[in-house]
Amino acid sequence: MVNSYPHGRILSLMHDHTHASHPKIVNRLRRAGGHLQNVIAMIEEGRACTDVAQQLHAVERAIAAAKKALIHEHIDHCLDGAIEAPNSKTHASLDEFKVITKYL
């Protein structure tokens, strides 16, 4: 079941949200966070805007790649569960699939 809360927060109560890819995604996000800290330092040091923009672009791509991996893993997990055990949760899985695809 998917419940919407104020401010666009969504809570899914239908299944475990731990996926095999999560440790790799966390590592990607940690690296992106480190790069973002470097970008902040570059700005504070007065580095060239073109250099800063290039590094910001790299951070954006790293975060986008992590988001894509997370969503694809979730979709695989969600749909596999719906196919393996078709029941009332199938509709909830499909509803959750519809919700998460807006973040692609």
PDB file of N, CA and C in Angstrom:
ATOM      1  N   MET A   1       0.842  -1.164   0.000  1.00  0.00           N
ATOM      2  CA  MET A   1       0.000   0.000   0.000  1.00  0.00           C
ATOM      3  C   MET A   1       0.895   1.237   0.000  1.00  0.00           C
ATOM      4  N   VAL A   2       0.508   2.241  -0.743  1.00  0.00           N
ATOM      5  CA  VAL A   2       1.257   3.483  -0.800  1.00  0.00           C
ATOM      6  C   VAL A   2       0.395   4.573  -0.198  1.00  0.00           C
ATOM      7  N   ASN A   3       0.932   5.255   0.781  1.00  0.00           N
ATOM      8  CA  ASN A   3       0.222   6.370   1.405  1.00  0.00           C
ATOM      9  C   ASN A   3       0.985   7.646   1.114  1.00  0.00           C
ATOM     10  N   SER A   4       0.271   8.688   0.725  1.00  0.00           N
ATOM     11  CA  SER A   4       0.912   9.979   0.508  1.00  0.00           C
ATOM     12  C   SER A   4       0.765  10.813   1.764  1.00  0.00           C
ATOM     13  N   TYR A   5       1.802  11.551   2.059  1.00  0.00           N
ATOM     14  CA  TYR A   5       1.809  12.428   3.207  1.00  0.00           C
ATOM     15  C   TYR A   5       2.047  13.847   2.739  1.00  0.00           C
ATOM     16  N   PRO A   6       1.827  14.834   3.593  1.00  0.00           N
ATOM     17  CA  PRO A   6       2.065  16.223   3.190  1.00  0.00           C
ATOM     18  C   PRO A   6       3.484  16.400   2.653  1.00  0.00           C
ATOM     19  N   HIS A   7       3.649  17.372   1.828  1.00  0.00           N
ATOM     20  CA  HIS A   7       4.937  17.737   1.254  1.00  0.00           C
ATOM     21  C   HIS A   7       5.452  16.679   0.291  1.00  0.00           C
ATOM     22  N   GLY A   8       4.571  15.868  -0.273  1.00  0.00           N
ATOM     23  CA  GLY A   8       4.958  14.918  -1.290  1.00  0.00           C
ATOM     24  C   GLY A   8       5.677  13.679  -0.791  1.00  0.00           C
ATOM     25  N   ARG A   9       5.795  13.518   0.523  1.00  0.00           N
ATOM     26  CA  ARG A   9       6.459  12.335   1.060  1.00  0.00           C
ATOM     27  C   ARG A   9       5.576  11.126   0.851  1.00  0.00           C
ATOM     28  N   ILE A  10       6.181  10.021   0.467  1.00  0.00           N
ATOM     29  CA  ILE A  10       5.428   8.800   0.216  1.00  0.00           C
ATOM     30  C   ILE A  10       5.961   7.717   1.127  1.00  0.00           C
ATOM     31  N   LEU A  11       5.052   6.961   1.692  1.00  0.00           N
ATOM     32  CA  LEU A  11       5.431   5.854   2.553  1.00  0.00           C
ATOM     33  C   LEU A  11       4.841   4.586   1.972  1.00  0.00           C
ATOM     34  N   SER A  12       5.677   3.612   1.704  1.00  0.00           N
ATOM     35  CA  SER A  12       5.198   2.338   1.183  1.00  0.00           C
ATOM     36  C   SER A  12       5.237   1.323   2.310  1.00  0.00           C
ATOM     37  N   LEU A  13       4.128   0.657   2.514  1.00  0.00           N
ATOM     38  CA  LEU A  13       4.028  -0.300   3.603  1.00  0.00           C
ATOM     39  C   LEU A  13       3.982  -1.735   3.103  1.00  0.00           C
ATOM     40  N   MET A  14       4.220  -1.956   1.791  1.00  0.00           N
ATOM     41  CA  MET A  14       3.945  -3.271   1.248  1.00  0.00           C
ATOM     42  C   MET A  14       5.083  -4.268   1.329  1.00  0.00           C
ATOM     43  N   HIS A  15       6.332  -3.851   1.360  1.00  0.00           N
ATOM     44  CA  HIS A  15       7.414  -4.825   1.371  1.00  0.00           C
ATOM     45  C   HIS A  15       8.700  -4.225   1.901  1.00  0.00           C
ATOM     46  N   ASP A  16       9.680  -5.115   2.074  1.00  0.00           N
ATOM     47  CA  ASP A  16      11.003  -4.702   2.526  1.00  0.00           C
ATOM     48  C   ASP A  16      11.626  -3.783   1.487  1.00  0.00           C
ATOM     49  N   HIS A  17      12.262  -2.736   1.923  1.00  0.00           N
ATOM     50  CA  HIS A  17      12.832  -1.751   1.007  1.00  0.00           C
ATOM     51  C   HIS A  17      14.337  -1.870   0.877  1.00  0.00           C
ATOM     52  N   THR A  18      14.900  -2.988   1.322  1.00  0.00           N
ATOM     53  CA  THR A  18      16.324  -3.210   1.191  1.00  0.00           C
ATOM     54  C   THR A  18      16.562  -3.994  -0.086  1.00  0.00           C
ATOM     55  N   HIS A  19      17.423  -3.444  -0.940  1.00  0.00           N
ATOM     56  CA  HIS A  19      17.731  -4.092  -2.206  1.00  0.00           C
ATOM     57  C   HIS A  19      19.228  -4.380  -2.263  1.00  0.00           C
ATOM     58  N   ALA A  20      19.605  -5.355  -3.064  1.00  0.00           N
ATOM     59  CA  ALA A  20      20.999  -5.764  -3.177  1.00  0.00           C
ATOM     60  C   ALA A  20      21.903  -4.629  -3.638  1.00  0.00           C
ATOM     61  N   SER A  21      21.367  -3.703  -4.411  1.00  0.00           N
ATOM     62  CA  SER A  21      22.178  -2.617  -4.962  1.00  0.00           C
ATOM     63  C   SER A  21      22.405  -1.467  -3.984  1.00  0.00           C
ATOM     64  N   HIS A  22      21.727  -1.442  -2.873  1.00  0.00           N
ATOM     65  CA  HIS A  22      21.815  -0.299  -1.962  1.00  0.00           C
ATOM     66  C   HIS A  22      23.235   0.017  -1.488  1.00  0.00           C
ATOM     67  N   PRO A  23      24.056  -0.970  -1.110  1.00  0.00           N
ATOM     68  CA  PRO A  23      25.426  -0.607  -0.687  1.00  0.00           C
ATOM     69  C   PRO A  23      26.218   0.102  -1.790  1.00  0.00           C
ATOM     70  N   LYS A  24      26.070  -0.349  -3.028  1.00  0.00           N
ATOM     71  CA  LYS A  24      26.770   0.311  -4.133  1.00  0.00           C
ATOM     72  C   LYS A  24      26.227   1.721  -4.355  1.00  0.00           C
ATOM     73  N   ILE A  25      24.936   1.880  -4.219  1.00  0.00           N
ATOM     74  CA  ILE A  25      24.322   3.202  -4.388  1.00  0.00           C
ATOM     75  C   ILE A  25      24.787   4.142  -3.284  1.00  0.00           C
ATOM     76  N   VAL A  26      24.848   3.644  -2.056  1.00  0.00           N
ATOM     77  CA  VAL A  26      25.337   4.459  -0.938  1.00  0.00           C
ATOM     78  C   VAL A  26      26.774   4.899  -1.211  1.00  0.00           C
ATOM     79  N   ASN A  27      27.607   3.981  -1.714  1.00  0.00           N
ATOM     80  CA  ASN A  27      28.987   4.349  -2.036  1.00  0.00           C
ATOM     81  C   ASN A  27      29.045   5.426  -3.110  1.00  0.00           C
ATOM     82  N   ARG A  28      28.213   5.303  -4.137  1.00  0.00           N
ATOM     83  CA  ARG A  28      28.161   6.328  -5.188  1.00  0.00           C
ATOM     84  C   ARG A  28      27.775   7.683  -4.613  1.00  0.00           C
ATOM     85  N   LEU A  29      26.771   7.678  -3.740  1.00  0.00           N
ATOM     86  CA  LEU A  29      26.313   8.937  -3.153  1.00  0.00           C
ATOM     87  C   LEU A  29      27.356   9.533  -2.216  1.00  0.00           C
ATOM     88  N   ARG A  30      28.069   8.703  -1.497  1.00  0.00           N
ATOM     89  CA  ARG A  30      29.143   9.210  -0.628  1.00  0.00           C
ATOM     90  C   ARG A  30      30.246   9.864  -1.460  1.00  0.00           C
ATOM     91  N   ARG A  31      30.605   9.213  -2.583  1.00  0.00           N
ATOM     92  CA  ARG A  31      31.615   9.809  -3.470  1.00  0.00           C
ATOM     93  C   ARG A  31      31.103  11.138  -4.029  1.00  0.00           C
ATOM     94  N   ALA A  32      29.833  11.163  -4.445  1.00  0.00           N
ATOM     95  CA  ALA A  32      29.254  12.401  -4.968  1.00  0.00           C
ATOM     96  C   ALA A  32      29.249  13.477  -3.891  1.00  0.00           C
ATOM     97  N   GLY A  33      28.965  13.089  -2.647  1.00  0.00           N
ATOM     98  CA  GLY A  33      28.996  14.047  -1.537  1.00  0.00           C
ATOM     99  C   GLY A  33      30.389  14.614  -1.327  1.00  0.00           C
ATOM    100  N   GLY A  34      31.393  13.764  -1.442  1.00  0.00           N
ATOM    101  CA  GLY A  34      32.782  14.224  -1.332  1.00  0.00           C
ATOM    102  C   GLY A  34      33.134  15.182  -2.451  1.00  0.00           C
ATOM    103  N   HIS A  35      32.691  14.851  -3.659  1.00  0.00           N
ATOM    104  CA  HIS A  35      32.941  15.746  -4.797  1.00  0.00           C
ATOM    105  C   HIS A  35      32.232  17.080  -4.598  1.00  0.00           C
ATOM    106  N   LEU A  36      31.027  17.033  -4.056  1.00  0.00           N
ATOM    107  CA  LEU A  36      30.284  18.275  -3.810  1.00  0.00           C
ATOM    108  C   LEU A  36      31.022  19.144  -2.793  1.00  0.00           C
ATOM    109  N   GLN A  37      31.582  18.530  -1.769  1.00  0.00           N
ATOM    110  CA  GLN A  37      32.368  19.289  -0.795  1.00  0.00           C
ATOM    111  C   GLN A  37      33.569  19.942  -1.474  1.00  0.00           C
ATOM    112  N   ASN A  38      34.177  19.221  -2.425  1.00  0.00           N
ATOM    113  CA  ASN A  38      35.292  19.795  -3.184  1.00  0.00           C
ATOM    114  C   ASN A  38      34.842  20.984  -4.027  1.00  0.00           C
ATOM    115  N   VAL A  39      33.661  20.890  -4.592  1.00  0.00           N
ATOM    116  CA  VAL A  39      33.129  22.001  -5.391  1.00  0.00           C
ATOM    117  C   VAL A  39      32.913  23.226  -4.509  1.00  0.00           C
ATOM    118  N   ILE A  40      32.380  23.013  -3.326  1.00  0.00           N
ATOM    119  CA  ILE A  40      32.178  24.121  -2.390  1.00  0.00           C
ATOM    120  C   ILE A  40      33.510  24.781  -2.070  1.00  0.00           C
ATOM    121  N   ALA A  41      34.535  23.958  -1.824  1.00  0.00           N
ATOM    122  CA  ALA A  41      35.867  24.490  -1.537  1.00  0.00           C
ATOM    123  C   ALA A  41      36.404  25.267  -2.741  1.00  0.00           C
ATOM    124  N   MET A  42      36.148  24.767  -3.940  1.00  0.00           N
ATOM    125  CA  MET A  42      36.598  25.461  -5.152  1.00  0.00           C
ATOM    126  C   MET A  42      35.979  26.858  -5.231  1.00  0.00           C
ATOM    127  N   ILE A  43      34.695  26.943  -4.920  1.00  0.00           N
ATOM    128  CA  ILE A  43      34.001  28.244  -4.955  1.00  0.00           C
ATOM    129  C   ILE A  43      34.596  29.168  -3.904  1.00  0.00           C
ATOM    130  N   GLU A  44      34.789  28.641  -2.698  1.00  0.00           N
ATOM    131  CA  GLU A  44      35.347  29.458  -1.617  1.00  0.00           C
ATOM    132  C   GLU A  44      36.768  29.923  -1.921  1.00  0.00           C
ATOM    133  N   GLU A  45      37.505  29.142  -2.694  1.00  0.00           N
ATOM    134  CA  GLU A  45      38.880  29.499  -3.068  1.00  0.00           C
ATOM    135  C   GLU A  45      38.926  30.454  -4.260  1.00  0.00           C
ATOM    136  N   GLY A  46      37.779  30.691  -4.871  1.00  0.00           N
ATOM    137  CA  GLY A  46      37.731  31.592  -6.013  1.00  0.00           C
ATOM    138  C   GLY A  46      38.210  30.962  -7.310  1.00  0.00           C
ATOM    139  N   ARG A  47      38.047  29.651  -7.441  1.00  0.00           N
ATOM    140  CA  ARG A  47      38.472  28.964  -8.666  1.00  0.00           C
ATOM    141  C   ARG A  47      37.623  29.411  -9.852  1.00  0.00           C
ATOM    142  N   ALA A  48      38.109  29.182 -11.034  1.00  0.00           N
ATOM    143  CA  ALA A  48      37.435  29.588 -12.266  1.00  0.00           C
ATOM    144  C   ALA A  48      36.050  28.959 -12.354  1.00  0.00           C
ATOM    145  N   CYS A  49      35.081  29.767 -12.774  1.00  0.00           N
ATOM    146  CA  CYS A  49      33.697  29.297 -12.871  1.00  0.00           C
ATOM    147  C   CYS A  49      33.565  28.111 -13.822  1.00  0.00           C
ATOM    148  N   THR A  50      34.365  28.092 -14.882  1.00  0.00           N
ATOM    149  CA  THR A  50      34.281  26.955 -15.802  1.00  0.00           C
ATOM    150  C   THR A  50      34.708  25.656 -15.118  1.00  0.00           C
ATOM    151  N   ASP A  51      35.732  25.730 -14.270  1.00  0.00           N
ATOM    152  CA  ASP A  51      36.170  24.545 -13.521  1.00  0.00           C
ATOM    153  C   ASP A  51      35.097  24.098 -12.541  1.00  0.00           C
ATOM    154  N   VAL A  52      34.494  25.069 -11.860  1.00  0.00           N
ATOM    155  CA  VAL A  52      33.434  24.763 -10.884  1.00  0.00           C
ATOM    156  C   VAL A  52      32.238  24.149 -11.597  1.00  0.00           C
ATOM    157  N   ALA A  53      31.844  24.744 -12.725  1.00  0.00           N
ATOM    158  CA  ALA A  53      30.697  24.229 -13.474  1.00  0.00           C
ATOM    159  C   ALA A  53      30.948  22.801 -13.948  1.00  0.00           C
ATOM    160  N   GLN A  54      32.171  22.532 -14.389  1.00  0.00           N
ATOM    161  CA  GLN A  54      32.513  21.186 -14.846  1.00  0.00           C
ATOM    162  C   GLN A  54      32.370  20.182 -13.701  1.00  0.00           C
ATOM    163  N   GLN A  55      32.854  20.549 -12.533  1.00  0.00           N
ATOM    164  CA  GLN A  55      32.768  19.647 -11.383  1.00  0.00           C
ATOM    165  C   GLN A  55      31.328  19.491 -10.899  1.00  0.00           C
ATOM    166  N   LEU A  56      30.557  20.568 -10.941  1.00  0.00           N
ATOM    167  CA  LEU A  56      29.134  20.464 -10.578  1.00  0.00           C
ATOM    168  C   LEU A  56      28.402  19.524 -11.530  1.00  0.00           C
ATOM    169  N   HIS A  57      28.750  19.613 -12.803  1.00  0.00           N
ATOM    170  CA  HIS A  57      28.145  18.722 -13.795  1.00  0.00           C
ATOM    171  C   HIS A  57      28.464  17.263 -13.458  1.00  0.00           C
ATOM    172  N   ALA A  58      29.691  17.007 -13.049  1.00  0.00           N
ATOM    173  CA  ALA A  58      30.090  15.650 -12.674  1.00  0.00           C
ATOM    174  C   ALA A  58      29.302  15.172 -11.452  1.00  0.00           C
ATOM    175  N   VAL A  59      29.086  16.062 -10.481  1.00  0.00           N
ATOM    176  CA  VAL A  59      28.306  15.705  -9.294  1.00  0.00           C
ATOM    177  C   VAL A  59      26.867  15.389  -9.696  1.00  0.00           C
ATOM    178  N   GLU A  60      26.288  16.216 -10.545  1.00  0.00           N
ATOM    179  CA  GLU A  60      24.917  15.973 -11.016  1.00  0.00           C
ATOM    180  C   GLU A  60      24.798  14.616 -11.703  1.00  0.00           C
ATOM    181  N   ARG A  61      25.761  14.301 -12.557  1.00  0.00           N
ATOM    182  CA  ARG A  61      25.722  13.019 -13.271  1.00  0.00           C
ATOM    183  C   ARG A  61      25.853  11.847 -12.307  1.00  0.00           C
ATOM    184  N   ALA A  62      26.694  11.990 -11.289  1.00  0.00           N
ATOM    185  CA  ALA A  62      26.873  10.919 -10.311  1.00  0.00           C
ATOM    186  C   ALA A  62      25.581  10.687  -9.522  1.00  0.00           C
ATOM    187  N   ILE A  63      24.932  11.752  -9.132  1.00  0.00           N
ATOM    188  CA  ILE A  63      23.670  11.632  -8.390  1.00  0.00           C
ATOM    189  C   ILE A  63      22.585  11.064  -9.289  1.00  0.00           C
ATOM    190  N   ALA A  64      22.524  11.514 -10.533  1.00  0.00           N
ATOM    191  CA  ALA A  64      21.527  10.993 -11.475  1.00  0.00           C
ATOM    192  C   ALA A  64      21.736   9.497 -11.710  1.00  0.00           C
ATOM    193  N   ALA A  65      22.993   9.070 -11.807  1.00  0.00           N
ATOM    194  CA  ALA A  65      23.280   7.646 -12.000  1.00  0.00           C
ATOM    195  C   ALA A  65      22.846   6.836 -10.777  1.00  0.00           C
ATOM    196  N   ALA A  66      23.064   7.365  -9.589  1.00  0.00           N
ATOM    197  CA  ALA A  66      22.639   6.682  -8.362  1.00  0.00           C
ATOM    198  C   ALA A  66      21.115   6.591  -8.311  1.00  0.00           C
ATOM    199  N   LYS A  67      20.448   7.669  -8.672  1.00  0.00           N
ATOM    200  CA  LYS A  67      18.978   7.672  -8.681  1.00  0.00           C
ATOM    201  C   LYS A  67      18.451   6.650  -9.680  1.00  0.00           C
ATOM    202  N   LYS A  68      19.030   6.624 -10.853  1.00  0.00           N
ATOM    203  CA  LYS A  68      18.599   5.680 -11.885  1.00  0.00           C
ATOM    204  C   LYS A  68      18.784   4.245 -11.414  1.00  0.00           C
ATOM    205  N   ALA A  69      19.928   3.938 -10.821  1.00  0.00           N
ATOM    206  CA  ALA A  69      20.184   2.588 -10.318  1.00  0.00           C
ATOM    207  C   ALA A  69      19.185   2.214  -9.228  1.00  0.00           C
ATOM    208  N   LEU A  70      18.906   3.141  -8.321  1.00  0.00           N
ATOM    209  CA  LEU A  70      17.944   2.888  -7.248  1.00  0.00           C
ATOM    210  C   LEU A  70      16.558   2.608  -7.804  1.00  0.00           C
ATOM    211  N   ILE A  71      16.115   3.436  -8.725  1.00  0.00           N
ATOM    212  CA  ILE A  71      14.765   3.280  -9.278  1.00  0.00           C
ATOM    213  C   ILE A  71      14.663   2.000 -10.097  1.00  0.00           C
ATOM    214  N   HIS A  72      15.660   1.701 -10.907  1.00  0.00           N
ATOM    215  CA  HIS A  72      15.607   0.471 -11.702  1.00  0.00           C
ATOM    216  C   HIS A  72      15.597  -0.762 -10.817  1.00  0.00           C
ATOM    217  N   GLU A  73      16.396  -0.767  -9.773  1.00  0.00           N
ATOM    218  CA  GLU A  73      16.405  -1.894  -8.834  1.00  0.00           C
ATOM    219  C   GLU A  73      15.046  -2.026  -8.159  1.00  0.00           C
ATOM    220  N   HIS A  74      14.468  -0.891  -7.771  1.00  0.00           N
ATOM    221  CA  HIS A  74      13.153  -0.927  -7.124  1.00  0.00           C
ATOM    222  C   HIS A  74      12.100  -1.472  -8.076  1.00  0.00           C
ATOM    223  N   ILE A  75      12.125  -1.002  -9.305  1.00  0.00           N
ATOM    224  CA  ILE A  75      11.144  -1.470 -10.284  1.00  0.00           C
ATOM    225  C   ILE A  75      11.282  -2.978 -10.479  1.00  0.00           C
ATOM    226  N   ASP A  76      12.503  -3.458 -10.642  1.00  0.00           N
ATOM    227  CA  ASP A  76      12.712  -4.900 -10.794  1.00  0.00           C
ATOM    228  C   ASP A  76      12.163  -5.656  -9.595  1.00  0.00           C
ATOM    229  N   HIS A  77      12.489  -5.185  -8.402  1.00  0.00           N
ATOM    230  CA  HIS A  77      12.048  -5.832  -7.167  1.00  0.00           C
ATOM    231  C   HIS A  77      10.522  -5.792  -7.050  1.00  0.00           C
ATOM    232  N   CYS A  78       9.953  -4.647  -7.329  1.00  0.00           N
ATOM    233  CA  CYS A  78       8.509  -4.438  -7.197  1.00  0.00           C
ATOM    234  C   CYS A  78       7.742  -5.322  -8.183  1.00  0.00           C
ATOM    235  N   LEU A  79       8.174  -5.324  -9.425  1.00  0.00           N
ATOM    236  CA  LEU A  79       7.469  -6.097 -10.440  1.00  0.00           C
ATOM    237  C   LEU A  79       7.676  -7.592 -10.265  1.00  0.00           C
ATOM    238  N   ASP A  80       8.872  -8.007  -9.862  1.00  0.00           N
ATOM    239  CA  ASP A  80       9.104  -9.428  -9.608  1.00  0.00           C
ATOM    240  C   ASP A  80       8.170  -9.926  -8.517  1.00  0.00           C
ATOM    241  N   GLY A  81       8.017  -9.144  -7.467  1.00  0.00           N
ATOM    242  CA  GLY A  81       7.119  -9.523  -6.379  1.00  0.00           C
ATOM    243  C   GLY A  81       5.675  -9.605  -6.831  1.00  0.00           C
ATOM    244  N   ALA A  82       5.270  -8.706  -7.704  1.00  0.00           N
ATOM    245  CA  ALA A  82       3.889  -8.710  -8.200  1.00  0.00           C
ATOM    246  C   ALA A  82       3.623  -9.920  -9.079  1.00  0.00           C
ATOM    247  N   ILE A  83       4.616 -10.318  -9.855  1.00  0.00           N
ATOM    248  CA  ILE A  83       4.451 -11.458 -10.755  1.00  0.00           C
ATOM    249  C   ILE A  83       4.477 -12.772  -9.982  1.00  0.00           C
ATOM    250  N   GLU A  84       5.370 -12.873  -9.005  1.00  0.00           N
ATOM    251  CA  GLU A  84       5.528 -14.111  -8.246  1.00  0.00           C
ATOM    252  C   GLU A  84       4.346 -14.406  -7.336  1.00  0.00           C
ATOM    253  N   ALA A  85       3.724 -13.398  -6.812  1.00  0.00           N
ATOM    254  CA  ALA A  85       2.630 -13.595  -5.859  1.00  0.00           C
ATOM    255  C   ALA A  85       1.459 -12.682  -6.205  1.00  0.00           C
ATOM    256  N   PRO A  86       0.785 -12.961  -7.334  1.00  0.00           N
ATOM    257  CA  PRO A  86      -0.330 -12.085  -7.700  1.00  0.00           C
ATOM    258  C   PRO A  86      -1.468 -12.197  -6.682  1.00  0.00           C
ATOM    259  N   ASN A  87      -1.793 -11.090  -6.086  1.00  0.00           N
ATOM    260  CA  ASN A  87      -2.885 -11.006  -5.117  1.00  0.00           C
ATOM    261  C   ASN A  87      -3.229  -9.535  -4.937  1.00  0.00           C
ATOM    262  N   SER A  88      -3.765  -9.179  -3.807  1.00  0.00           N
ATOM    263  CA  SER A  88      -4.129  -7.779  -3.574  1.00  0.00           C
ATOM    264  C   SER A  88      -2.905  -6.872  -3.562  1.00  0.00           C
ATOM    265  N   LYS A  89      -1.737  -7.442  -3.254  1.00  0.00           N
ATOM    266  CA  LYS A  89      -0.510  -6.641  -3.258  1.00  0.00           C
ATOM    267  C   LYS A  89      -0.074  -6.289  -4.673  1.00  0.00           C
ATOM    268  N   THR A  90      -0.554  -7.032  -5.658  1.00  0.00           N
ATOM    269  CA  THR A  90      -0.197  -6.757  -7.042  1.00  0.00           C
ATOM    270  C   THR A  90      -0.628  -5.350  -7.429  1.00  0.00           C
ATOM    271  N   HIS A  91      -1.845  -4.989  -7.068  1.00  0.00           N
ATOM    272  CA  HIS A  91      -2.324  -3.640  -7.382  1.00  0.00           C
ATOM    273  C   HIS A  91      -1.502  -2.584  -6.653  1.00  0.00           C
ATOM    274  N   ALA A  92      -1.144  -2.859  -5.407  1.00  0.00           N
ATOM    275  CA  ALA A  92      -0.322  -1.920  -4.651  1.00  0.00           C
ATOM    276  C   ALA A  92       1.057  -1.796  -5.293  1.00  0.00           C
ATOM    277  N   SER A  93       1.619  -2.911  -5.767  1.00  0.00           N
ATOM    278  CA  SER A  93       2.929  -2.877  -6.422  1.00  0.00           C
ATOM    279  C   SER A  93       2.865  -2.038  -7.690  1.00  0.00           C
ATOM    280  N   LEU A  94       1.828  -2.220  -8.458  1.00  0.00           N
ATOM    281  CA  LEU A  94       1.681  -1.451  -9.695  1.00  0.00           C
ATOM    282  C   LEU A  94       1.453   0.025  -9.400  1.00  0.00           C
ATOM    283  N   ASP A  95       0.710   0.325  -8.358  1.00  0.00           N
ATOM    284  CA  ASP A  95       0.509   1.723  -7.966  1.00  0.00           C
ATOM    285  C   ASP A  95       1.840   2.351  -7.556  1.00  0.00           C
ATOM    286  N   GLU A  96       2.630   1.606  -6.791  1.00  0.00           N
ATOM    287  CA  GLU A  96       3.928   2.114  -6.368  1.00  0.00           C
ATOM    288  C   GLU A  96       4.844   2.309  -7.581  1.00  0.00           C
ATOM    289  N   PHE A  97       4.761   1.408  -8.542  1.00  0.00           N
ATOM    290  CA  PHE A  97       5.531   1.524  -9.777  1.00  0.00           C
ATOM    291  C   PHE A  97       5.166   2.824 -10.491  1.00  0.00           C
ATOM    292  N   LYS A  98       3.900   3.129 -10.567  1.00  0.00           N
ATOM    293  CA  LYS A  98       3.457   4.357 -11.222  1.00  0.00           C
ATOM    294  C   LYS A  98       4.006   5.592 -10.502  1.00  0.00           C
ATOM    295  N   VAL A  99       4.023   5.543  -9.190  1.00  0.00           N
ATOM    296  CA  VAL A  99       4.498   6.675  -8.406  1.00  0.00           C
ATOM    297  C   VAL A  99       6.002   6.901  -8.631  1.00  0.00           C
ATOM    298  N   ILE A 100       6.776   5.830  -8.576  1.00  0.00           N
ATOM    299  CA  ILE A 100       8.230   5.997  -8.645  1.00  0.00           C
ATOM    300  C   ILE A 100       8.702   6.395 -10.044  1.00  0.00           C
ATOM    301  N   THR A 101       7.955   6.046 -11.076  1.00  0.00           N
ATOM    302  CA  THR A 101       8.399   6.376 -12.424  1.00  0.00           C
ATOM    303  C   THR A 101       8.416   7.887 -12.668  1.00  0.00           C
ATOM    304  N   LYS A 102       7.723   8.650 -11.876  1.00  0.00           N
ATOM    305  CA  LYS A 102       7.759  10.113 -12.075  1.00  0.00           C
ATOM    306  C   LYS A 102       9.132  10.687 -11.743  1.00  0.00           C
ATOM    307  N   TYR A 103       9.966   9.920 -11.041  1.00  0.00           N
ATOM    308  CA  TYR A 103      11.296  10.404 -10.677  1.00  0.00           C
ATOM    309  C   TYR A 103      12.358  10.058 -11.716  1.00  0.00           C
ATOM    310  N   LEU A 104      11.952   9.343 -12.761  1.00  0.00           N
ATOM    311  CA  LEU A 104      12.922   9.003 -13.821  1.00  0.00           C
ATOM    312  C   LEU A 104      13.283  10.218 -14.644  1.00  0.00           C
TER     313      LEU A 104
END
